[in-house]
Amino acid sequence: MPTSSNEQRLTTVERRASGALAAVFGLRMLGLFLIMPVMAIYGKAYADYTPLLVGLAIGAYGLTQALLQIPMGILSDRIGRRPVIVGGLLVFIAGSLVAAYAETLTGVVVGRALQGMGAIAAAILALAADVTRDEQRPKVMAMIGMCIGLAFTLALILGPSLGPHIGLSGLFVFTAISAAFGLVVFLVAVPNVDVRAARGDLVPNKEAFGAILRHPQLLRLNVGVFVLHCMLTAFFVVLPLQLMQGGLASEQHAWLYLPTLIASFALMIPMIIIAERRRKQPLFFRIAIVLVLVAVALLGLDDVSWLIYTFAIVVFFIGFNFLEASLPAALTRFAPAGRKGSASGIYATFQFAGAFVGGALGGAFMQYSGINGVVGFSIILLVCWLLLSFGMKAPPEWQNVSYKLRALSAAEADTVINALTGATGVEEVRWMENEQVVYLKAHKTDYNEQEVTTLLTSYQAKA
């Protein structure tokens, strides 16, 4: 008999895999974010310093990641997620060491670009979706998103705290060590899983890419993550300098970020819970965008109390962390079955392209028009995103059931998967060998339980 699709708890495999993937993603993003709060300050020590080079150093990783996300997403569909993730982490470690021992700011830019060549975001998001049932997927994706938010929080605290003691070079070495630890966690804790998609193989074709790029809801998510990260890197070209000009030394920045970030996390979590339970995701997306917009406008004010800046930072991170946690969850629920690697690759391409464009243009605006240019640029992007978000819909709902099967040979598992992919209303089939359970993602109205039960009669475990 099928297991109820309304189970509220993660299975042991889901819990272990999602925790490990969230940790790996978080550690890698910690390395990318770590220099953001201090680059504008320590970049001045290099002989070839300019605000534009600082912006490029902050966002250079985004260029190479944007160029490689789609190819790496395709590759993860072809050869598996694990080889892509392992190789990407090794390249990231190499880039961190290049930046650590660079003697010019240009050399740091090269190292950051090499870091970005380890483009594994799409493969990690796709693997996380592969090992979780649909009704549990928002929890797992939110967990990954919150780990990214936590990594960003730690970066804002550790960067200013460690920078005076170990310098920019030491921060890059710290990044390499963190990535190496993440690699060990991934190899030890993440299981293998066999995934097949209905009506099509796992290798994307031109038609599949076109459908993903034209999908109106995925387009809104892709544009949104572009704007979010474009605005973020542009602002960190100027924010550390603004705080210093306000009388706050760089090593004290962490003491401003820490309480404001804690407050923002506490206020953001209820937003996620309410949006998911009441299926009000589009409304809360717009609320979060408005929060970021208001915060950016406040941070652009001159000659105001530090309390105004503190309030602005809290408001900013409430919106930012909500969006960073919610966008990946919505992505995997809108993505066509079997194309999660490709859809995630396109999504991450927009994300990291935004990081590069924001760093480059933020540096250029800072160099030629000052902070007002950077703030105005960010506000325009956010207003455009807000207008686009009014066409967003709530993510679709699926019915999920699971069947406990007997031990299957590789050939039998293949037969079962192929048979189930053709069953009425079945969107996706997932065989978890470690649990000896097959999970089905099916349309709530079209799913034919009797047909599936008949197909599995000879394969089910004996009571």
Protein backbone atom coordinates (compact mmCIF):
# COMPACT_ATOMS: atom_id res chain seq x y z
CA MET A 1 0.00 0.00 0.00
CA PRO A 2 1.20 3.52 -0.63
CA THR A 3 2.44 5.68 2.19
CA SER A 4 0.53 8.91 2.83
CA SER A 5 1.83 11.86 0.87
CA ASN A 6 1.22 14.20 3.77
CA GLU A 7 4.06 13.00 5.98
CA GLN A 8 5.49 15.95 7.83
CA ARG A 9 8.96 14.62 8.63
CA LEU A 10 12.06 14.16 6.53
CA THR A 11 13.27 10.59 6.15
CA THR A 12 16.69 9.62 7.50
CA VAL A 13 18.23 9.82 4.03
CA GLU A 14 16.57 13.15 3.26
CA ARG A 15 17.70 14.60 6.57
CA ARG A 16 21.31 13.46 6.19
CA ALA A 17 21.63 14.44 2.53
CA SER A 18 19.92 17.81 2.84
CA GLY A 19 21.97 18.71 5.91
CA ALA A 20 25.22 17.80 4.18
CA LEU A 21 24.34 19.63 0.95
CA ALA A 22 23.28 22.71 2.88
CA ALA A 23 26.59 22.63 4.77
CA VAL A 24 28.64 22.26 1.56
CA PHE A 25 26.76 25.06 -0.16
CA GLY A 26 27.05 27.25 2.91
CA LEU A 27 30.79 26.70 3.34
CA ARG A 28 31.46 27.51 -0.29
CA MET A 29 29.33 30.63 -0.19
CA LEU A 30 31.07 31.67 3.03
CA GLY A 31 34.30 31.71 1.06
CA LEU A 32 32.78 33.82 -1.70
CA PHE A 33 31.17 36.28 0.71
CA LEU A 34 34.02 36.53 3.22
CA ILE A 35 35.91 39.32 1.47
CA MET A 36 32.82 41.37 0.56
CA PRO A 37 32.71 43.45 3.78
CA VAL A 38 36.45 44.22 3.70
CA MET A 39 37.51 44.29 0.04
CA ALA A 40 36.75 47.99 -0.39
CA ILE A 41 38.94 48.70 2.66
CA TYR A 42 41.91 46.34 2.17
CA GLY A 43 41.91 46.80 -1.59
CA LYS A 44 43.47 50.22 -1.05
CA ALA A 45 46.72 48.55 0.03
CA TYR A 46 47.44 47.33 -3.52
CA ALA A 47 49.47 49.56 -5.83
CA ASP A 48 46.95 49.23 -8.67
CA TYR A 49 43.90 50.12 -6.53
CA THR A 50 40.84 51.71 -8.12
CA PRO A 51 37.15 51.48 -7.05
CA LEU A 52 36.45 49.70 -10.33
CA LEU A 53 39.04 46.99 -9.58
CA VAL A 54 37.56 46.61 -6.11
CA GLY A 55 34.15 46.07 -7.68
CA LEU A 56 35.61 43.52 -10.07
CA ALA A 57 37.35 41.72 -7.20
CA ILE A 58 34.05 41.49 -5.34
CA GLY A 59 32.05 40.30 -8.36
CA ALA A 60 34.56 38.54 -10.65
CA TYR A 61 33.53 35.10 -9.44
CA GLY A 62 30.07 35.83 -10.83
CA LEU A 63 31.31 36.17 -14.41
CA THR A 64 32.93 32.73 -14.63
CA GLN A 65 30.12 31.10 -12.69
CA ALA A 66 27.54 32.68 -14.99
CA LEU A 67 29.37 31.35 -18.04
CA LEU A 68 29.69 27.83 -16.61
CA GLN A 69 26.40 27.25 -14.77
CA ILE A 70 24.45 25.96 -17.78
CA PRO A 71 27.27 23.71 -19.05
CA MET A 72 27.81 22.34 -15.54
CA GLY A 73 24.07 21.81 -15.11
CA ILE A 74 23.98 19.81 -18.34
CA LEU A 75 27.07 17.90 -17.30
CA SER A 76 25.49 17.00 -13.97
CA ASP A 77 22.47 15.60 -15.85
CA ARG A 78 24.78 13.52 -18.06
CA ILE A 79 27.46 12.16 -15.72
CA GLY A 80 25.85 12.68 -12.32
CA ARG A 81 25.89 15.36 -9.68
CA ARG A 82 28.75 13.98 -7.57
CA PRO A 83 31.65 14.26 -10.08
CA VAL A 84 30.63 17.82 -10.96
CA ILE A 85 30.44 18.88 -7.31
CA VAL A 86 33.78 17.29 -6.35
CA GLY A 87 35.59 18.80 -9.34
CA GLY A 88 34.06 22.22 -8.73
CA LEU A 89 35.18 22.27 -5.10
CA LEU A 90 38.76 21.42 -6.11
CA VAL A 91 38.83 24.29 -8.63
CA PHE A 92 37.42 26.63 -6.00
CA ILE A 93 40.21 25.71 -3.59
CA ALA A 94 42.80 26.45 -6.29
CA GLY A 95 41.27 29.87 -6.99
CA SER A 96 41.30 30.75 -3.30
CA LEU A 97 45.02 30.03 -3.10
CA VAL A 98 45.76 32.08 -6.23
CA ALA A 99 43.98 35.08 -4.70
CA ALA A 100 45.70 34.53 -1.35
CA TYR A 101 49.19 34.87 -2.81
CA ALA A 102 48.45 37.56 -5.43
CA GLU A 103 50.62 40.68 -5.17
CA THR A 104 48.27 42.98 -7.10
CA LEU A 105 44.57 43.69 -7.03
CA THR A 106 44.44 42.46 -10.60
CA GLY A 107 45.83 39.14 -9.37
CA VAL A 108 43.08 38.99 -6.76
CA VAL A 109 40.53 39.50 -9.53
CA VAL A 110 42.06 36.55 -11.41
CA GLY A 111 41.87 34.36 -8.31
CA ARG A 112 38.26 35.32 -7.73
CA ALA A 113 37.44 34.49 -11.34
CA LEU A 114 39.07 31.08 -10.85
CA GLN A 115 36.98 30.55 -7.72
CA GLY A 116 33.92 31.09 -9.87
CA MET A 117 34.98 28.39 -12.31
CA GLY A 118 34.05 25.85 -9.65
CA ALA A 119 30.41 26.32 -10.65
CA ILE A 120 28.52 23.74 -8.59
CA ALA A 121 25.45 25.66 -7.45
CA ALA A 122 23.16 24.10 -10.06
CA ALA A 123 24.38 20.57 -9.35
CA ILE A 124 23.87 20.98 -5.59
CA LEU A 125 20.36 22.41 -5.95
CA ALA A 126 19.43 19.66 -8.41
CA LEU A 127 20.86 16.92 -6.18
CA ALA A 128 18.98 18.33 -3.20
CA ALA A 129 15.77 18.16 -5.23
CA ASP A 130 16.62 14.63 -6.41
CA VAL A 131 16.89 13.19 -2.89
CA THR A 132 13.76 14.78 -1.42
CA ARG A 133 10.04 14.31 -1.96
CA ASP A 134 8.13 17.25 -3.35
CA GLU A 135 6.21 18.09 -0.17
CA GLN A 136 9.50 18.12 1.75
CA ARG A 137 11.40 20.02 -0.93
CA PRO A 138 10.47 23.51 0.26
CA LYS A 139 11.90 22.64 3.67
CA VAL A 140 15.16 21.42 2.18
CA MET A 141 15.52 24.29 -0.27
CA ALA A 142 14.71 26.75 2.48
CA MET A 143 17.37 25.02 4.58
CA ILE A 144 19.92 25.55 1.81
CA GLY A 145 18.77 29.11 1.34
CA MET A 146 19.03 29.80 5.05
CA CYS A 147 22.52 28.28 5.09
CA ILE A 148 23.45 30.74 2.35
CA GLY A 149 21.99 33.50 4.48
CA LEU A 150 23.91 32.19 7.49
CA ALA A 151 27.10 32.05 5.42
CA PHE A 152 26.55 35.65 4.44
CA THR A 153 25.98 36.56 8.08
CA LEU A 154 29.15 34.81 9.21
CA ALA A 155 31.09 36.47 6.40
CA LEU A 156 29.99 39.90 7.58
CA ILE A 157 31.16 39.03 11.08
CA LEU A 158 34.31 36.99 10.35
CA GLY A 159 35.63 39.22 7.56
CA PRO A 160 35.91 42.40 9.65
CA SER A 161 36.93 40.42 12.76
CA LEU A 162 39.69 38.30 11.20
CA GLY A 163 40.88 40.82 8.61
CA PRO A 164 42.96 42.97 10.99
CA HIS A 165 44.76 39.85 12.26
CA ILE A 166 45.33 37.71 9.15
CA GLY A 167 44.84 40.21 6.33
CA LEU A 168 43.16 39.66 2.98
CA SER A 169 45.60 36.87 2.11
CA GLY A 170 44.72 35.02 5.30
CA LEU A 171 41.02 35.32 4.54
CA PHE A 172 41.55 33.59 1.20
CA VAL A 173 43.54 30.80 2.89
CA PHE A 174 40.68 30.41 5.37
CA THR A 175 38.35 30.12 2.39
CA ALA A 176 40.42 27.30 0.88
CA ILE A 177 40.39 25.38 4.17
CA SER A 178 36.61 25.79 4.50
CA ALA A 179 36.06 24.45 0.97
CA ALA A 180 38.28 21.44 1.69
CA PHE A 181 36.21 20.65 4.77
CA GLY A 182 33.05 20.95 2.70
CA LEU A 183 34.45 18.44 0.20
CA VAL A 184 35.01 15.89 2.98
CA VAL A 185 31.47 16.41 4.31
CA PHE A 186 30.01 15.87 0.84
CA LEU A 187 31.95 12.66 0.15
CA VAL A 188 31.03 11.16 3.52
CA ALA A 189 27.41 12.20 4.04
CA VAL A 190 25.59 12.48 0.68
CA PRO A 191 24.12 9.21 -0.72
CA ASN A 192 23.73 8.15 -4.33
CA VAL A 193 20.22 8.24 -5.80
CA ASP A 194 18.74 7.03 -9.10
CA VAL A 195 16.40 9.57 -10.72
CA ARG A 196 14.36 9.32 -13.90
CA ALA A 197 11.99 11.87 -15.39
CA ALA A 198 8.77 11.06 -17.19
CA ARG A 199 8.51 11.69 -20.92
CA GLY A 200 12.09 12.45 -21.72
CA ASP A 201 15.62 11.60 -20.67
CA LEU A 202 17.85 13.62 -18.37
CA VAL A 203 19.96 15.17 -21.13
CA PRO A 204 18.64 18.64 -22.06
CA ASN A 205 18.08 19.55 -25.69
CA LYS A 206 17.50 22.85 -27.44
CA GLU A 207 13.74 22.55 -27.12
CA ALA A 208 14.01 21.92 -23.37
CA PHE A 209 16.23 24.96 -22.88
CA GLY A 210 13.85 27.11 -24.86
CA ALA A 211 10.90 25.98 -22.76
CA ILE A 212 12.75 26.72 -19.53
CA LEU A 213 13.87 30.16 -20.69
CA ARG A 214 10.36 31.04 -21.90
CA HIS A 215 8.59 29.74 -18.78
CA PRO A 216 6.94 32.91 -17.37
CA GLN A 217 7.30 31.93 -13.71
CA LEU A 218 10.88 30.71 -14.02
CA LEU A 219 11.69 33.91 -15.89
CA ARG A 220 10.46 35.97 -12.94
CA LEU A 221 12.59 33.95 -10.55
CA ASN A 222 15.64 34.26 -12.80
CA VAL A 223 15.30 38.02 -13.20
CA GLY A 224 14.66 38.34 -9.48
CA VAL A 225 17.81 36.56 -8.40
CA PHE A 226 19.80 38.62 -10.95
CA VAL A 227 18.55 41.87 -9.42
CA LEU A 228 19.03 40.66 -5.85
CA HIS A 229 22.69 39.78 -6.31
CA CYS A 230 23.43 42.69 -8.62
CA MET A 231 22.21 45.09 -5.98
CA LEU A 232 24.05 43.23 -3.20
CA THR A 233 27.54 43.34 -4.72
CA ALA A 234 27.10 46.91 -5.93
CA PHE A 235 26.23 48.05 -2.46
CA PHE A 236 29.21 46.36 -0.81
CA VAL A 237 31.49 48.35 -3.03
CA VAL A 238 30.51 51.39 -0.94
CA LEU A 239 28.95 50.25 2.37
CA PRO A 240 32.22 49.50 4.25
CA LEU A 241 33.63 52.88 3.27
CA GLN A 242 30.44 54.64 4.36
CA LEU A 243 30.62 53.00 7.77
CA MET A 244 34.25 54.04 8.18
CA GLN A 245 33.46 57.61 7.19
CA GLY A 246 30.74 57.55 9.83
CA GLY A 247 33.36 56.88 12.46
CA LEU A 248 33.12 53.10 12.74
CA ALA A 249 36.51 51.35 12.35
CA SER A 250 36.56 48.27 10.10
CA GLU A 251 37.21 45.84 12.97
CA GLN A 252 34.07 47.19 14.68
CA HIS A 253 31.78 46.57 11.73
CA ALA A 254 31.03 43.06 12.97
CA TRP A 255 29.49 44.48 16.15
CA LEU A 256 27.03 46.44 14.04
CA TYR A 257 26.22 43.54 11.72
CA LEU A 258 25.81 40.90 14.46
CA PRO A 259 22.74 42.23 16.32
CA THR A 260 21.08 43.54 13.17
CA LEU A 261 21.46 40.20 11.39
CA ILE A 262 20.17 38.23 14.38
CA ALA A 263 17.11 40.46 14.49
CA SER A 264 16.54 40.10 10.75
CA PHE A 265 16.71 36.28 10.90
CA ALA A 266 14.22 36.21 13.79
CA LEU A 267 11.77 38.35 11.81
CA MET A 268 12.32 36.57 8.48
CA ILE A 269 11.47 33.02 9.62
CA PRO A 270 7.78 33.75 10.37
CA MET A 271 7.47 35.23 6.88
CA ILE A 272 8.64 31.95 5.33
CA ILE A 273 6.29 29.86 7.49
CA ILE A 274 3.21 31.99 6.82
CA ALA A 275 3.93 32.28 3.09
CA GLU A 276 4.22 28.49 2.73
CA ARG A 277 1.30 27.46 4.92
CA ARG A 278 -1.14 29.98 3.45
CA ARG A 279 0.21 29.72 -0.10
CA LYS A 280 0.86 33.47 -0.19
CA GLN A 281 4.34 33.26 -1.73
CA PRO A 282 3.79 35.96 -4.39
CA LEU A 283 2.53 38.47 -1.80
CA PHE A 284 5.45 37.86 0.53
CA PHE A 285 7.89 38.06 -2.36
CA ARG A 286 6.62 41.56 -3.09
CA ILE A 287 6.77 42.52 0.58
CA ALA A 288 10.40 41.38 0.74
CA ILE A 289 11.32 43.36 -2.38
CA VAL A 290 9.75 46.49 -0.89
CA LEU A 291 11.71 45.95 2.33
CA VAL A 292 14.99 45.80 0.41
CA LEU A 293 13.99 48.85 -1.62
CA VAL A 294 13.22 50.90 1.49
CA ALA A 295 16.47 49.83 3.13
CA VAL A 296 18.57 50.81 0.12
CA ALA A 297 16.91 54.22 0.01
CA LEU A 298 17.58 54.79 3.72
CA LEU A 299 21.21 53.74 3.40
CA GLY A 300 21.67 56.35 0.70
CA LEU A 301 20.78 59.19 3.05
CA ASP A 302 23.55 61.53 4.25
CA ASP A 303 24.03 63.10 7.68
CA VAL A 304 21.50 60.96 9.56
CA SER A 305 21.72 59.15 12.89
CA TRP A 306 23.46 55.78 13.01
CA LEU A 307 20.13 54.44 14.33
CA ILE A 308 18.64 55.07 10.89
CA TYR A 309 21.43 53.03 9.27
CA THR A 310 20.96 50.27 11.84
CA PHE A 311 17.23 50.14 11.12
CA ALA A 312 17.95 50.10 7.38
CA ILE A 313 20.34 47.15 7.72
CA VAL A 314 17.76 45.15 9.71
CA VAL A 315 15.05 45.84 7.12
CA PHE A 316 17.44 45.04 4.28
CA PHE A 317 18.41 41.63 5.64
CA ILE A 318 14.84 40.64 6.46
CA GLY A 319 13.97 41.05 2.80
CA PHE A 320 17.24 39.70 1.44
CA ASN A 321 17.27 36.53 3.56
CA PHE A 322 13.61 35.79 2.83
CA LEU A 323 14.22 36.05 -0.90
CA GLU A 324 17.47 34.09 -0.75
CA ALA A 325 15.71 31.25 1.07
CA SER A 326 12.48 31.26 -0.95
CA LEU A 327 13.68 31.65 -4.54
CA PRO A 328 15.36 28.19 -4.79
CA ALA A 329 12.30 26.47 -3.26
CA ALA A 330 10.01 28.07 -5.84
CA LEU A 331 12.45 27.22 -8.63
CA THR A 332 12.40 23.46 -8.04
CA ARG A 333 8.60 23.36 -7.85
CA PHE A 334 8.14 25.25 -11.12
CA ALA A 335 10.93 23.39 -12.98
CA PRO A 336 9.89 20.72 -15.52
CA ALA A 337 10.39 17.16 -14.28
CA GLY A 338 13.80 15.80 -15.15
CA ARG A 339 15.16 19.25 -16.00
CA LYS A 340 16.09 20.43 -12.54
CA GLY A 341 19.78 20.47 -13.42
CA SER A 342 19.17 22.67 -16.45
CA ALA A 343 16.62 24.92 -14.74
CA SER A 344 18.94 25.33 -11.76
CA GLY A 345 21.82 26.07 -14.11
CA ILE A 346 19.89 28.87 -15.82
CA TYR A 347 18.81 30.23 -12.43
CA ALA A 348 22.36 30.23 -11.09
CA THR A 349 23.60 31.83 -14.31
CA PHE A 350 21.30 34.79 -13.69
CA GLN A 351 22.32 34.87 -10.03
CA PHE A 352 26.04 35.03 -10.62
CA ALA A 353 25.73 37.27 -13.66
CA GLY A 354 23.98 39.68 -11.33
CA ALA A 355 26.85 39.45 -8.85
CA PHE A 356 29.36 40.31 -11.57
CA VAL A 357 27.33 43.12 -13.12
CA GLY A 358 26.64 44.59 -9.69
CA GLY A 359 30.30 44.54 -8.70
CA ALA A 360 31.52 45.95 -12.00
CA LEU A 361 28.87 48.66 -12.34
CA GLY A 362 28.95 49.40 -8.63
CA GLY A 363 32.69 50.01 -8.87
CA ALA A 364 32.25 52.13 -11.98
CA PHE A 365 29.47 54.23 -10.43
CA MET A 366 31.52 54.66 -7.26
CA GLN A 367 34.56 55.77 -9.24
CA TYR A 368 32.72 58.28 -11.43
CA SER A 369 29.56 59.38 -9.54
CA GLY A 370 29.95 58.33 -5.91
CA ILE A 371 27.48 56.65 -3.60
CA ASN A 372 24.43 58.41 -5.05
CA GLY A 373 25.06 56.70 -8.37
CA VAL A 374 25.30 53.27 -6.73
CA VAL A 375 22.14 53.77 -4.66
CA GLY A 376 20.17 55.12 -7.63
CA PHE A 377 21.29 52.18 -9.77
CA SER A 378 20.14 49.72 -7.06
CA ILE A 379 16.75 51.41 -6.63
CA ILE A 380 16.02 51.26 -10.36
CA LEU A 381 16.76 47.53 -10.42
CA LEU A 382 14.52 46.85 -7.42
CA VAL A 383 11.60 48.85 -8.83
CA CYS A 384 11.79 46.92 -12.11
CA TRP A 385 11.79 43.63 -10.20
CA LEU A 386 8.82 44.71 -8.08
CA LEU A 387 6.76 45.50 -11.18
CA LEU A 388 7.67 42.14 -12.76
CA SER A 389 6.73 40.25 -9.59
CA PHE A 390 3.04 41.18 -9.94
CA GLY A 391 2.68 38.40 -12.51
CA MET A 392 4.05 35.74 -10.19
CA LYS A 393 1.88 32.75 -9.23
CA ALA A 394 2.02 30.41 -6.25
CA PRO A 395 4.16 27.29 -6.97
CA PRO A 396 2.15 24.24 -8.15
CA GLU A 397 1.02 21.49 -5.80
CA TRP A 398 1.73 17.82 -6.40
CA GLN A 399 0.55 14.59 -4.85
CA ASN A 400 3.38 12.47 -3.50
CA VAL A 401 3.12 8.79 -2.58
CA SER A 402 5.71 6.18 -1.72
CA TYR A 403 5.84 2.40 -1.96
CA LYS A 404 8.03 0.07 0.06
CA LEU A 405 9.48 -2.51 -2.35
CA ARG A 406 11.52 -5.63 -1.88
CA ALA A 407 15.23 -5.64 -2.69
CA LEU A 408 15.56 -5.09 -6.44
CA SER A 409 18.36 -5.93 -8.80
CA ALA A 410 19.67 -3.17 -11.06
CA ALA A 411 17.68 -4.60 -13.98
CA GLU A 412 14.48 -4.83 -11.92
CA ALA A 413 14.89 -1.27 -10.65
CA ASP A 414 15.29 -0.11 -14.24
CA THR A 415 12.14 -1.96 -15.27
CA VAL A 416 10.12 -0.50 -12.39
CA ILE A 417 11.29 3.05 -13.07
CA ASN A 418 10.54 2.82 -16.79
CA ALA A 419 7.09 1.36 -16.14
CA LEU A 420 6.16 4.00 -13.59
CA THR A 421 7.29 6.91 -15.76
CA GLY A 422 4.58 5.94 -18.24
CA ALA A 423 1.81 5.63 -15.65
CA THR A 424 -1.12 8.04 -15.83
CA GLY A 425 -0.48 11.28 -13.97
CA VAL A 426 3.05 10.38 -12.85
CA GLU A 427 5.41 13.32 -13.29
CA GLU A 428 8.57 11.94 -11.71
CA VAL A 429 9.89 8.67 -10.26
CA ARG A 430 12.57 8.46 -7.61
CA TRP A 431 14.01 5.10 -6.44
CA MET A 432 15.89 5.30 -3.14
CA GLU A 433 17.97 2.14 -2.97
CA ASN A 434 19.13 2.81 0.59
CA GLU A 435 15.51 2.77 1.82
CA GLN A 436 14.13 0.35 -0.80
CA VAL A 437 11.35 2.86 -1.37
CA VAL A 438 10.07 4.31 -4.64
CA TYR A 439 8.69 7.85 -4.48
CA LEU A 440 6.24 9.18 -7.05
CA LYS A 441 5.53 12.82 -7.88
CA ALA A 442 2.10 12.93 -9.51
CA HIS A 443 -0.63 15.35 -10.48
CA LYS A 444 -3.28 15.51 -7.77
CA THR A 445 -6.19 15.21 -10.20
CA ASP A 446 -4.74 12.84 -12.82
CA TYR A 447 -2.93 10.26 -10.68
CA ASN A 448 -4.29 6.70 -11.06
CA GLU A 449 -3.44 4.82 -7.86
CA GLN A 450 -4.93 1.55 -9.04
CA GLU A 451 -2.77 1.53 -12.17
CA VAL A 452 0.41 2.08 -10.16
CA THR A 453 -0.54 -0.53 -7.55
CA THR A 454 -1.06 -3.09 -10.32
CA LEU A 455 2.32 -2.28 -11.89
CA LEU A 456 4.10 -2.79 -8.57
CA THR A 457 2.29 -5.94 -7.39
CA SER A 458 5.22 -8.31 -7.98
CA TYR A 459 7.82 -5.89 -6.59
CA GLN A 460 6.28 -4.85 -3.29
CA ALA A 461 7.76 -5.94 0.03
CA LYS A 462 5.90 -8.71 1.85
CA ALA A 463 4.01 -7.64 4.96
